[in-house]
Protein backbone atom coordinates (compact mmCIF):
# COMPACT_ATOMS: atom_id res chain seq x y z
CA MET A 1 15.01 34.01 44.59
CA LYS A 2 12.64 36.75 43.45
CA PHE A 3 11.49 34.57 40.54
CA SER A 4 10.76 31.68 42.92
CA LYS A 5 8.74 33.99 45.16
CA TYR A 6 6.70 35.19 42.19
CA ILE A 7 5.97 31.58 41.17
CA LEU A 8 4.89 30.78 44.75
CA ILE A 9 2.57 33.80 44.80
CA ILE A 10 1.00 32.82 41.44
CA VAL A 11 0.45 29.22 42.56
CA THR A 12 -1.12 30.44 45.80
CA LEU A 13 -3.48 32.80 43.95
CA VAL A 14 -4.54 30.06 41.52
CA SER A 15 -5.20 27.70 44.43
CA LEU A 16 -7.31 30.32 46.18
CA SER A 17 -9.22 30.97 42.96
CA ILE A 18 -10.02 27.28 42.53
CA SER A 19 -11.03 27.01 46.19
CA CYS A 20 -13.40 29.98 45.88
CA THR A 21 -14.91 28.55 42.70
CA LYS A 22 -15.70 25.31 44.51
CA LYS A 23 -17.30 27.15 47.41
CA GLU A 24 -19.45 29.21 45.05
CA GLU A 25 -20.80 26.21 43.13
CA LYS A 26 -24.09 27.11 41.49
CA PRO A 27 -27.09 25.59 43.28
CA PRO A 28 -29.26 23.21 41.23
CA ASP A 29 -32.12 24.67 39.23
CA PRO A 30 -35.72 24.47 40.47
CA VAL A 31 -37.94 21.78 38.94
CA THR A 32 -41.49 22.24 37.64
CA ASP A 33 -44.15 19.52 37.59
CA ILE A 34 -46.84 18.83 34.96
CA GLU A 35 -49.23 21.34 36.60
CA GLY A 36 -46.70 24.16 36.73
CA ASN A 37 -45.85 23.86 40.44
CA THR A 38 -42.20 24.85 40.91
CA TYR A 39 -40.03 23.32 43.62
CA LYS A 40 -36.73 24.40 45.12
CA THR A 41 -34.01 21.77 44.87
CA VAL A 42 -30.85 21.06 46.83
CA ARG A 43 -27.65 19.12 46.17
CA ILE A 44 -26.66 16.76 48.98
CA GLY A 45 -23.54 14.80 48.16
CA LEU A 46 -23.99 13.28 44.71
CA GLN A 47 -27.79 13.51 44.86
CA ILE A 48 -30.17 16.32 43.94
CA TRP A 49 -33.39 16.36 45.96
CA MET A 50 -36.54 18.42 45.95
CA ALA A 51 -36.41 20.84 48.88
CA GLU A 52 -40.24 20.95 49.05
CA ASN A 53 -42.97 18.31 49.21
CA LEU A 54 -44.74 17.25 46.05
CA LYS A 55 -48.15 18.87 45.47
CA THR A 56 -49.19 17.72 42.00
CA THR A 57 -52.68 16.29 41.37
CA LYS A 58 -51.58 14.77 38.04
CA PHE A 59 -49.08 12.18 36.92
CA ASN A 60 -46.32 13.40 34.60
CA ASP A 61 -48.26 12.07 31.58
CA GLY A 62 -51.14 14.41 32.38
CA THR A 63 -53.41 11.74 33.88
CA SER A 64 -55.33 12.92 36.95
CA ILE A 65 -54.75 11.35 40.36
CA ALA A 66 -58.00 10.71 42.24
CA PRO A 67 -58.72 13.11 45.15
CA ILE A 68 -60.04 11.09 48.09
CA ALA A 69 -61.54 13.05 50.99
CA ASP A 70 -63.97 10.49 52.42
CA SER A 71 -62.48 8.21 55.08
CA ILE A 72 -64.31 5.06 53.99
CA ALA A 73 -63.34 5.62 50.36
CA TRP A 74 -59.70 6.10 51.42
CA ARG A 75 -59.77 2.91 53.49
CA ASN A 76 -61.13 0.88 50.59
CA LEU A 77 -58.90 2.39 47.89
CA ALA A 78 -56.35 0.11 46.23
CA THR A 79 -55.49 2.45 43.33
CA PRO A 80 -53.67 5.82 43.20
CA GLY A 81 -55.13 8.63 45.31
CA TYR A 82 -54.18 11.79 47.17
CA CYS A 83 -55.62 14.07 49.82
CA MET A 84 -54.99 17.22 51.84
CA TYR A 85 -54.66 17.08 55.59
CA ASN A 86 -58.14 17.18 57.18
CA LYS A 87 -59.60 16.50 53.74
CA ASN A 88 -59.95 20.01 52.31
CA ASP A 89 -57.46 22.38 53.92
CA THR A 90 -56.11 24.25 50.87
CA ALA A 91 -53.80 26.36 53.06
CA TYR A 92 -52.10 23.10 54.05
CA LYS A 93 -51.29 22.28 50.41
CA ARG A 94 -49.44 25.56 49.88
CA THR A 95 -47.12 24.88 52.82
CA TYR A 96 -46.89 21.10 53.09
CA GLY A 97 -47.84 19.68 49.69
CA LEU A 98 -50.19 16.70 49.41
CA LEU A 99 -50.44 13.28 51.01
CA TYR A 100 -50.39 10.30 48.63
CA ASN A 101 -51.01 6.60 49.07
CA ALA A 102 -48.29 4.17 47.99
CA TYR A 103 -50.24 3.11 44.90
CA THR A 104 -49.56 6.64 43.65
CA ALA A 105 -45.94 6.49 44.74
CA ASP A 106 -45.47 3.14 42.96
CA SER A 107 -46.83 4.43 39.64
CA GLY A 108 -43.41 5.46 38.31
CA LYS A 109 -44.87 8.72 37.02
CA VAL A 110 -45.80 10.84 40.03
CA CYS A 111 -42.50 12.77 39.96
CA PRO A 112 -41.66 15.30 37.23
CA THR A 113 -39.97 13.86 34.14
CA GLY A 114 -36.28 13.32 34.87
CA TRP A 115 -36.99 12.71 38.56
CA HIS A 116 -38.11 9.65 40.50
CA LEU A 117 -39.32 8.36 43.84
CA PRO A 118 -36.23 7.58 45.94
CA GLY A 119 -35.68 4.03 47.09
CA ILE A 120 -34.69 2.96 50.60
CA GLU A 121 -31.12 2.61 49.33
CA GLU A 122 -31.13 6.26 48.19
CA TRP A 123 -32.36 7.40 51.59
CA GLN A 124 -29.56 5.30 53.06
CA GLN A 125 -27.06 6.95 50.70
CA LEU A 126 -28.28 10.32 51.94
CA SER A 127 -27.90 9.21 55.55
CA ASP A 128 -24.43 7.79 54.90
CA PHE A 129 -23.28 11.04 53.29
CA LEU A 130 -24.42 12.99 56.35
CA ALA A 131 -22.25 10.60 58.36
CA ASP A 132 -23.95 10.58 61.77
CA SER A 133 -27.12 8.47 62.02
CA ILE A 134 -28.04 10.05 65.36
CA TYR A 135 -28.24 13.54 63.87
CA THR A 136 -29.08 12.89 60.21
CA GLY A 137 -32.73 13.84 60.67
CA GLY A 138 -31.80 17.10 62.34
CA LYS A 139 -29.74 18.05 59.32
CA LEU A 140 -32.86 17.57 57.18
CA LYS A 141 -35.46 19.32 59.36
CA GLU A 142 -36.42 22.97 59.04
CA THR A 143 -35.14 24.85 62.08
CA GLY A 144 -37.24 26.59 64.70
CA THR A 145 -40.82 26.03 65.79
CA THR A 146 -42.80 27.99 63.21
CA HIS A 147 -43.99 24.66 61.81
CA TRP A 148 -42.38 22.02 64.04
CA MET A 149 -43.58 21.53 67.58
CA THR A 150 -41.04 22.40 70.28
CA PRO A 151 -38.36 21.21 70.91
CA ASN A 152 -37.77 20.20 67.26
CA LYS A 153 -34.79 18.34 68.66
CA GLY A 154 -31.48 18.57 66.81
CA ALA A 155 -32.85 20.57 63.86
CA THR A 156 -30.09 22.41 61.97
CA ASN A 157 -31.21 22.07 58.32
CA THR A 158 -27.57 22.24 57.25
CA THR A 159 -28.50 20.39 54.05
CA GLY A 160 -31.24 22.81 52.95
CA PHE A 161 -33.66 19.88 52.69
CA SER A 162 -36.12 21.86 54.85
CA ALA A 163 -38.37 18.98 55.93
CA LEU A 164 -41.70 20.09 57.44
CA PRO A 165 -44.02 18.22 59.84
CA ALA A 166 -46.73 17.51 57.28
CA GLY A 167 -48.49 14.83 59.32
CA ILE A 168 -49.94 11.66 57.79
CA ARG A 169 -53.19 9.92 56.94
CA TYR A 170 -53.73 6.49 58.44
CA PHE A 171 -54.81 3.55 56.28
CA GLU A 172 -58.35 3.74 57.73
CA GLY A 173 -58.78 7.38 56.75
CA SER A 174 -58.02 9.46 59.87
CA PHE A 175 -55.39 12.22 60.04
CA THR A 176 -52.72 12.76 62.66
CA ALA A 177 -49.29 14.19 63.56
CA ILE A 178 -49.41 17.62 61.91
CA SER A 179 -46.62 19.75 63.44
CA TYR A 180 -44.69 16.87 65.00
CA TYR A 181 -44.11 14.13 62.41
CA THR A 182 -43.62 13.57 58.71
CA ALA A 183 -43.12 10.48 56.55
CA PHE A 184 -41.93 10.09 52.94
CA TRP A 185 -42.64 7.15 50.65
CA SER A 186 -39.68 5.24 49.23
CA ALA A 187 -39.65 2.87 46.27
CA SER A 188 -38.94 -0.28 48.25
CA ALA A 189 -41.83 -2.60 48.97
CA SER A 190 -41.98 -5.30 51.63
CA GLY A 191 -44.63 -7.73 50.44
CA ASN A 192 -47.62 -6.91 48.27
CA GLU A 193 -49.46 -4.70 50.77
CA GLU A 194 -46.58 -2.79 52.36
CA GLU A 195 -44.25 -0.04 51.19
CA GLY A 196 -41.03 1.48 52.48
CA TYR A 197 -40.89 4.90 54.08
CA SER A 198 -38.53 7.28 55.88
CA SER A 199 -39.74 9.57 58.67
CA LEU A 200 -38.72 12.50 60.87
CA TYR A 201 -39.98 13.40 64.33
CA TYR A 202 -39.96 16.55 66.47
CA GLY A 203 -38.61 14.67 69.48
CA ASP A 204 -35.37 13.31 67.99
CA ALA A 205 -32.82 13.99 65.25
CA LYS A 206 -32.82 10.61 63.50
CA VAL A 207 -34.16 9.38 60.16
CA ASN A 208 -36.36 6.40 60.94
CA MET A 209 -37.10 3.83 58.22
CA GLY A 210 -39.64 1.03 58.00
CA HIS A 211 -42.59 -0.46 56.08
CA VAL A 212 -46.33 0.15 56.43
CA SER A 213 -49.59 -0.45 54.60
CA LYS A 214 -49.73 1.09 51.14
CA LYS A 215 -53.04 2.65 52.17
CA HIS A 216 -51.34 5.26 54.38
CA GLY A 217 -51.09 8.84 53.15
CA PHE A 218 -47.51 10.16 53.22
CA SER A 219 -45.57 13.00 51.63
CA ILE A 220 -43.29 12.57 48.61
CA ARG A 221 -39.88 14.06 47.91
CA CYS A 222 -38.45 13.28 44.49
CA VAL A 223 -34.77 12.83 43.60
CA LYS A 224 -33.19 13.61 40.24
CA ASP A 225 -32.42 10.73 37.86
């Protein structure tokens, strides 16, 4: 009987050890872009995502992306370009990253080497893993109202994705929605002049998906290959 008890104790201790090892799984390493900007990353299910918005001004081959501040130039652009909210707010870049048009997103080289622009299906995989479509967005949003406008409904950030309300640039060049909305490009086009996107809003806890003109300026989150 004593021997059996000892075996039971050993098995229990081994099981606890394995359980603790799983709980203490090492978080994924940060990733650095071509310019030396370093981004936190987070594992969500089988995917590894950037936990910060992209802020590079160069493609991963070293080629520069055009900075477009002027509204008319932005409206007429049909090639890669980026901007900062309100054209030249450098403080914005440090917190929120940059806004890119979909011609940049479609290049295949805006993300660091070994990473890529997620497709609609990868956003859907993320949503499916989080299980509840009504609250998926809340699990991705940074909590509190330091950056998000109140009420920042449903925000728990249980994933560590830490989405911020970076705002957007409309196709005709104006800016809007800082503090209450953010949108991310996805690699799924709908026709020649539209691109897929996923968005989050301060007033609900959903992830909303759709298609808009490629001339919009949205944020980018990359996912590991």
